[in-house]
């Protein structure tokens, strides 16, 4: 299920590689102690699986549908 959701997200353009450098439009997610997971900068601060998503890419928090940058 997660794999299919990620594929759908790629198709819809939620991940935009290279958005980190020079892009101050979106906040940056916070690293966690689990590799491949970041904490969303938006309330309620869910932990998001970003495995396979390059650093600097834009990621969407599915709980609030807001974009942030993968650190």
PDB file of N, CA and C in Angstrom:
ATOM      1  N   UNK A   1       0.823  -1.197   0.000  1.00  0.00           N
ATOM      2  CA  UNK A   1       0.000   0.000   0.000  1.00  0.00           C
ATOM      3  C   UNK A   1       0.866   1.259   0.000  1.00  0.00           C
ATOM      4  N   UNK A   2       1.872   1.266   0.863  1.00  0.00           N
ATOM      5  CA  UNK A   2       2.758   2.429   0.931  1.00  0.00           C
ATOM      6  C   UNK A   2       3.488   2.623  -0.386  1.00  0.00           C
ATOM      7  N   UNK A   3       3.945   1.522  -0.971  1.00  0.00           N
ATOM      8  CA  UNK A   3       4.637   1.598  -2.267  1.00  0.00           C
ATOM      9  C   UNK A   3       3.743   2.239  -3.323  1.00  0.00           C
ATOM     10  N   UNK A   4       2.501   1.818  -3.381  1.00  0.00           N
ATOM     11  CA  UNK A   4       1.558   2.370  -4.375  1.00  0.00           C
ATOM     12  C   UNK A   4       1.282   3.842  -4.113  1.00  0.00           C
ATOM     13  N   UNK A   5       1.137   4.221  -2.844  1.00  0.00           N
ATOM     14  CA  UNK A   5       0.909   5.626  -2.510  1.00  0.00           C
ATOM     15  C   UNK A   5       2.101   6.478  -2.924  1.00  0.00           C
ATOM     16  N   UNK A   6       3.315   5.955  -2.709  1.00  0.00           N
ATOM     17  CA  UNK A   6       4.511   6.704  -3.099  1.00  0.00           C
ATOM     18  C   UNK A   6       4.561   6.858  -4.617  1.00  0.00           C
ATOM     19  N   UNK A   7       4.241   5.792  -5.356  1.00  0.00           N
ATOM     20  CA  UNK A   7       4.214   5.877  -6.816  1.00  0.00           C
ATOM     21  C   UNK A   7       3.191   6.904  -7.283  1.00  0.00           C
ATOM     22  N   UNK A   8       2.025   6.912  -6.663  1.00  0.00           N
ATOM     23  CA  UNK A   8       1.007   7.914  -6.998  1.00  0.00           C
ATOM     24  C   UNK A   8       1.514   9.319  -6.722  1.00  0.00           C
ATOM     25  N   UNK A   9       2.223   9.478  -5.621  1.00  0.00           N
ATOM     26  CA  UNK A   9       2.755  10.789  -5.261  1.00  0.00           C
ATOM     27  C   UNK A   9       3.771  11.265  -6.278  1.00  0.00           C
ATOM     28  N   UNK A  10       4.628  10.361  -6.749  1.00  0.00           N
ATOM     29  CA  UNK A  10       5.589  10.736  -7.785  1.00  0.00           C
ATOM     30  C   UNK A  10       4.871  11.182  -9.047  1.00  0.00           C
ATOM     31  N   UNK A  11       3.845  10.444  -9.424  1.00  0.00           N
ATOM     32  CA  UNK A  11       3.091  10.776 -10.632  1.00  0.00           C
ATOM     33  C   UNK A  11       2.414  12.131 -10.518  1.00  0.00           C
ATOM     34  N   UNK A  12       1.959  12.474  -9.330  1.00  0.00           N
ATOM     35  CA  UNK A  12       1.284  13.754  -9.128  1.00  0.00           C
ATOM     36  C   UNK A  12       2.255  14.909  -8.905  1.00  0.00           C
ATOM     37  N   UNK A  13       3.561  14.602  -8.819  1.00  0.00           N
ATOM     38  CA  UNK A  13       4.558  15.655  -8.702  1.00  0.00           C
ATOM     39  C   UNK A  13       4.819  16.144  -7.293  1.00  0.00           C
ATOM     40  N   UNK A  14       4.527  15.316  -6.285  1.00  0.00           N
ATOM     41  CA  UNK A  14       4.779  15.743  -4.910  1.00  0.00           C
ATOM     42  C   UNK A  14       6.263  15.828  -4.598  1.00  0.00           C
ATOM     43  N   UNK A  15       7.076  15.033  -5.285  1.00  0.00           N
ATOM     44  CA  UNK A  15       8.513  15.038  -5.049  1.00  0.00           C
ATOM     45  C   UNK A  15       9.177  15.765  -6.200  1.00  0.00           C
ATOM     46  N   UNK A  16       9.877  16.816  -5.887  1.00  0.00           N
ATOM     47  CA  UNK A  16      10.526  17.633  -6.909  1.00  0.00           C
ATOM     48  C   UNK A  16      12.006  17.711  -6.577  1.00  0.00           C
ATOM     49  N   UNK A  17      12.804  16.844  -7.152  1.00  0.00           N
ATOM     50  CA  UNK A  17      14.236  16.774  -6.842  1.00  0.00           C
ATOM     51  C   UNK A  17      14.914  18.105  -7.092  1.00  0.00           C
ATOM     52  N   UNK A  18      15.838  18.424  -6.215  1.00  0.00           N
ATOM     53  CA  UNK A  18      16.626  19.640  -6.366  1.00  0.00           C
ATOM     54  C   UNK A  18      15.981  20.869  -5.763  1.00  0.00           C
ATOM     55  N   UNK A  19      14.918  20.726  -5.033  1.00  0.00           N
ATOM     56  CA  UNK A  19      14.223  21.879  -4.476  1.00  0.00           C
ATOM     57  C   UNK A  19      14.868  22.508  -3.261  1.00  0.00           C
ATOM     58  N   UNK A  20      15.903  21.876  -2.707  1.00  0.00           N
ATOM     59  CA  UNK A  20      16.483  22.364  -1.449  1.00  0.00           C
ATOM     60  C   UNK A  20      17.365  23.579  -1.635  1.00  0.00           C
ATOM     61  N   UNK A  21      18.319  23.486  -2.513  1.00  0.00           N
ATOM     62  CA  UNK A  21      19.270  24.580  -2.678  1.00  0.00           C
ATOM     63  C   UNK A  21      18.607  25.786  -3.323  1.00  0.00           C
ATOM     64  N   UNK A  22      18.658  26.885  -2.605  1.00  0.00           N
ATOM     65  CA  UNK A  22      18.089  28.116  -3.118  1.00  0.00           C
ATOM     66  C   UNK A  22      16.577  28.204  -2.985  1.00  0.00           C
ATOM     67  N   UNK A  23      15.959  27.168  -2.482  1.00  0.00           N
ATOM     68  CA  UNK A  23      14.505  27.187  -2.325  1.00  0.00           C
ATOM     69  C   UNK A  23      14.164  27.423  -0.869  1.00  0.00           C
ATOM     70  N   UNK A  24      13.770  28.630  -0.534  1.00  0.00           N
ATOM     71  CA  UNK A  24      13.421  28.952   0.848  1.00  0.00           C
ATOM     72  C   UNK A  24      11.914  29.050   1.011  1.00  0.00           C
ATOM     73  N   UNK A  25      11.192  28.616   0.007  1.00  0.00           N
ATOM     74  CA  UNK A  25       9.739  28.721   0.028  1.00  0.00           C
ATOM     75  C   UNK A  25       9.097  27.748   1.008  1.00  0.00           C
ATOM     76  N   UNK A  26       9.740  26.602   1.225  1.00  0.00           N
ATOM     77  CA  UNK A  26       9.181  25.577   2.097  1.00  0.00           C
ATOM     78  C   UNK A  26      10.108  25.309   3.278  1.00  0.00           C
ATOM     79  N   UNK A  27       9.535  24.966   4.438  1.00  0.00           N
ATOM     80  CA  UNK A  27      10.384  24.615   5.582  1.00  0.00           C
ATOM     81  C   UNK A  27      11.040  23.258   5.363  1.00  0.00           C
ATOM     82  N   UNK A  28      12.063  22.984   6.140  1.00  0.00           N
ATOM     83  CA  UNK A  28      12.803  21.729   6.029  1.00  0.00           C
ATOM     84  C   UNK A  28      12.339  20.794   7.138  1.00  0.00           C
ATOM     85  N   UNK A  29      12.159  19.518   6.796  1.00  0.00           N
ATOM     86  CA  UNK A  29      11.794  18.515   7.797  1.00  0.00           C
ATOM     87  C   UNK A  29      12.927  18.325   8.793  1.00  0.00           C
ATOM     88  N   UNK A  30      12.616  17.721   9.919  1.00  0.00           N
ATOM     89  CA  UNK A  30      13.599  17.506  10.983  1.00  0.00           C
ATOM     90  C   UNK A  30      14.024  16.044  11.008  1.00  0.00           C
ATOM     91  N   UNK A  31      15.333  15.825  11.107  1.00  0.00           N
ATOM     92  CA  UNK A  31      15.853  14.466  11.179  1.00  0.00           C
ATOM     93  C   UNK A  31      15.375  13.782  12.453  1.00  0.00           C
ATOM     94  N   UNK A  32      15.208  12.471  12.381  1.00  0.00           N
ATOM     95  CA  UNK A  32      14.872  11.671  13.557  1.00  0.00           C
ATOM     96  C   UNK A  32      16.030  10.717  13.812  1.00  0.00           C
ATOM     97  N   UNK A  33      15.914   9.926  14.857  1.00  0.00           N
ATOM     98  CA  UNK A  33      16.968   8.953  15.138  1.00  0.00           C
ATOM     99  C   UNK A  33      16.810   7.698  14.291  1.00  0.00           C
ATOM    100  N   UNK A  34      15.784   7.647  13.441  1.00  0.00           N
ATOM    101  CA  UNK A  34      15.562   6.527  12.529  1.00  0.00           C
ATOM    102  C   UNK A  34      15.968   6.949  11.126  1.00  0.00           C
ATOM    103  N   UNK A  35      16.907   6.232  10.563  1.00  0.00           N
ATOM    104  CA  UNK A  35      17.364   6.542   9.204  1.00  0.00           C
ATOM    105  C   UNK A  35      16.216   6.360   8.212  1.00  0.00           C
ATOM    106  N   UNK A  36      16.016   7.346   7.338  1.00  0.00           N
ATOM    107  CA  UNK A  36      14.966   7.269   6.325  1.00  0.00           C
ATOM    108  C   UNK A  36      13.628   7.830   6.775  1.00  0.00           C
ATOM    109  N   UNK A  37      13.587   8.411   7.971  1.00  0.00           N
ATOM    110  CA  UNK A  37      12.355   9.006   8.486  1.00  0.00           C
ATOM    111  C   UNK A  37      12.653  10.407   8.982  1.00  0.00           C
ATOM    112  N   UNK A  38      11.767  11.345   8.685  1.00  0.00           N
ATOM    113  CA  UNK A  38      11.905  12.723   9.166  1.00  0.00           C
ATOM    114  C   UNK A  38      10.606  13.150   9.843  1.00  0.00           C
ATOM    115  N   UNK A  39      10.745  14.129  10.710  1.00  0.00           N
ATOM    116  CA  UNK A  39       9.568  14.686  11.374  1.00  0.00           C
ATOM    117  C   UNK A  39       9.096  15.893  10.581  1.00  0.00           C
ATOM    118  N   UNK A  40       7.808  15.926  10.294  1.00  0.00           N
ATOM    119  CA  UNK A  40       7.223  17.031   9.546  1.00  0.00           C
ATOM    120  C   UNK A  40       7.357  18.334  10.339  1.00  0.00           C
ATOM    121  N   UNK A  41       7.605  19.444   9.654  1.00  0.00           N
ATOM    122  CA  UNK A  41       7.667  20.730  10.349  1.00  0.00           C
ATOM    123  C   UNK A  41       6.272  21.291  10.665  1.00  0.00           C
ATOM    124  N   UNK A  42       5.235  20.568  10.272  1.00  0.00           N
ATOM    125  CA  UNK A  42       3.862  21.025  10.478  1.00  0.00           C
ATOM    126  C   UNK A  42       3.181  20.219  11.586  1.00  0.00           C
ATOM    127  N   UNK A  43       2.338  20.893  12.342  1.00  0.00           N
ATOM    128  CA  UNK A  43       1.562  20.197  13.367  1.00  0.00           C
ATOM    129  C   UNK A  43       0.688  19.162  12.720  1.00  0.00           C
ATOM    130  N   UNK A  44       0.513  18.031  13.268  1.00  0.00           N
ATOM    131  CA  UNK A  44       0.949  17.522  14.569  1.00  0.00           C
ATOM    132  C   UNK A  44       2.321  16.855  14.537  1.00  0.00           C
ATOM    133  N   UNK A  45       3.194  17.242  13.619  1.00  0.00           N
ATOM    134  CA  UNK A  45       4.590  16.801  13.562  1.00  0.00           C
ATOM    135  C   UNK A  45       4.730  15.280  13.400  1.00  0.00           C
ATOM    136  N   UNK A  46       4.020  14.712  12.445  1.00  0.00           N
ATOM    137  CA  UNK A  46       4.109  13.277  12.176  1.00  0.00           C
ATOM    138  C   UNK A  46       5.492  12.909  11.648  1.00  0.00           C
ATOM    139  N   UNK A  47       5.851  11.662  11.857  1.00  0.00           N
ATOM    140  CA  UNK A  47       7.078  11.117  11.285  1.00  0.00           C
ATOM    141  C   UNK A  47       6.730  10.569   9.903  1.00  0.00           C
ATOM    142  N   UNK A  48       7.492  11.003   8.895  1.00  0.00           N
ATOM    143  CA  UNK A  48       7.217  10.668   7.500  1.00  0.00           C
ATOM    144  C   UNK A  48       8.340   9.778   6.963  1.00  0.00           C
ATOM    145  N   UNK A  49       7.964   8.739   6.250  1.00  0.00           N
ATOM    146  CA  UNK A  49       8.911   7.829   5.607  1.00  0.00           C
ATOM    147  C   UNK A  49       9.417   8.481   4.317  1.00  0.00           C
ATOM    148  N   UNK A  50      10.704   8.804   4.283  1.00  0.00           N
ATOM    149  CA  UNK A  50      11.290   9.436   3.095  1.00  0.00           C
ATOM    150  C   UNK A  50      12.371   8.552   2.473  1.00  0.00           C
ATOM    151  N   UNK A  51      12.343   7.250   2.780  1.00  0.00           N
ATOM    152  CA  UNK A  51      13.319   6.332   2.189  1.00  0.00           C
ATOM    153  C   UNK A  51      13.153   6.338   0.670  1.00  0.00           C
ATOM    154  N   UNK A  52      14.253   6.502  -0.020  1.00  0.00           N
ATOM    155  CA  UNK A  52      14.231   6.518  -1.476  1.00  0.00           C
ATOM    156  C   UNK A  52      13.968   7.895  -2.067  1.00  0.00           C
ATOM    157  N   UNK A  53      13.740   8.880  -1.236  1.00  0.00           N
ATOM    158  CA  UNK A  53      13.520  10.249  -1.716  1.00  0.00           C
ATOM    159  C   UNK A  53      14.812  11.028  -1.489  1.00  0.00           C
ATOM    160  N   UNK A  54      15.381  11.616  -2.527  1.00  0.00           N
ATOM    161  CA  UNK A  54      16.668  12.300  -2.386  1.00  0.00           C
ATOM    162  C   UNK A  54      16.597  13.514  -1.457  1.00  0.00           C
ATOM    163  N   UNK A  55      17.690  13.781  -0.729  1.00  0.00           N
ATOM    164  CA  UNK A  55      17.757  15.004   0.071  1.00  0.00           C
ATOM    165  C   UNK A  55      17.552  16.221  -0.822  1.00  0.00           C
ATOM    166  N   UNK A  56      16.844  17.191  -0.313  1.00  0.00           N
ATOM    167  CA  UNK A  56      16.573  18.409  -1.079  1.00  0.00           C
ATOM    168  C   UNK A  56      15.294  18.349  -1.876  1.00  0.00           C
ATOM    169  N   UNK A  57      14.658  17.188  -1.895  1.00  0.00           N
ATOM    170  CA  UNK A  57      13.407  17.035  -2.640  1.00  0.00           C
ATOM    171  C   UNK A  57      12.237  17.548  -1.810  1.00  0.00           C
ATOM    172  N   UNK A  58      11.218  17.965  -2.495  1.00  0.00           N
ATOM    173  CA  UNK A  58       9.996  18.391  -1.823  1.00  0.00           C
ATOM    174  C   UNK A  58       9.149  17.165  -1.509  1.00  0.00           C
ATOM    175  N   UNK A  59       8.621  17.136  -0.293  1.00  0.00           N
ATOM    176  CA  UNK A  59       7.814  16.020   0.187  1.00  0.00           C
ATOM    177  C   UNK A  59       6.511  16.594   0.724  1.00  0.00           C
ATOM    178  N   UNK A  60       5.434  15.862   0.597  1.00  0.00           N
ATOM    179  CA  UNK A  60       4.167  16.332   1.137  1.00  0.00           C
ATOM    180  C   UNK A  60       3.838  15.563   2.415  1.00  0.00           C
ATOM    181  N   UNK A  61       3.392  16.295   3.418  1.00  0.00           N
ATOM    182  CA  UNK A  61       2.907  15.676   4.651  1.00  0.00           C
ATOM    183  C   UNK A  61       1.461  15.277   4.379  1.00  0.00           C
ATOM    184  N   UNK A  62       1.168  13.981   4.326  1.00  0.00           N
ATOM    185  CA  UNK A  62      -0.182  13.556   3.957  1.00  0.00           C
ATOM    186  C   UNK A  62      -1.256  13.922   4.979  1.00  0.00           C
ATOM    187  N   UNK A  63      -0.867  14.224   6.220  1.00  0.00           N
ATOM    188  CA  UNK A  63      -1.870  14.549   7.231  1.00  0.00           C
ATOM    189  C   UNK A  63      -2.427  15.962   7.060  1.00  0.00           C
ATOM    190  N   UNK A  64      -1.625  16.858   6.486  1.00  0.00           N
ATOM    191  CA  UNK A  64      -2.107  18.237   6.319  1.00  0.00           C
ATOM    192  C   UNK A  64      -1.956  18.723   4.887  1.00  0.00           C
ATOM    193  N   UNK A  65      -1.376  17.876   4.021  1.00  0.00           N
ATOM    194  CA  UNK A  65      -1.182  18.184   2.603  1.00  0.00           C
ATOM    195  C   UNK A  65      -0.364  19.452   2.369  1.00  0.00           C
ATOM    196  N   UNK A  66       0.670  19.650   3.206  1.00  0.00           N
ATOM    197  CA  UNK A  66       1.592  20.772   3.034  1.00  0.00           C
ATOM    198  C   UNK A  66       2.956  20.228   2.634  1.00  0.00           C
ATOM    199  N   UNK A  67       3.671  21.012   1.870  1.00  0.00           N
ATOM    200  CA  UNK A  67       4.975  20.609   1.342  1.00  0.00           C
ATOM    201  C   UNK A  67       6.086  21.060   2.272  1.00  0.00           C
ATOM    202  N   UNK A  68       7.097  20.187   2.418  1.00  0.00           N
ATOM    203  CA  UNK A  68       8.325  20.546   3.092  1.00  0.00           C
ATOM    204  C   UNK A  68       9.486  19.921   2.333  1.00  0.00           C
ATOM    205  N   UNK A  69      10.703  20.299   2.687  1.00  0.00           N
ATOM    206  CA  UNK A  69      11.900  19.827   1.998  1.00  0.00           C
ATOM    207  C   UNK A  69      12.551  18.713   2.809  1.00  0.00           C
ATOM    208  N   UNK A  70      12.907  17.630   2.130  1.00  0.00           N
ATOM    209  CA  UNK A  70      13.611  16.527   2.771  1.00  0.00           C
ATOM    210  C   UNK A  70      15.033  16.975   3.094  1.00  0.00           C
ATOM    211  N   UNK A  71      15.442  16.929   4.365  1.00  0.00           N
ATOM    212  CA  UNK A  71      16.795  17.409   4.711  1.00  0.00           C
ATOM    213  C   UNK A  71      17.909  16.555   4.131  1.00  0.00           C
TER     214      UNK A  71
END
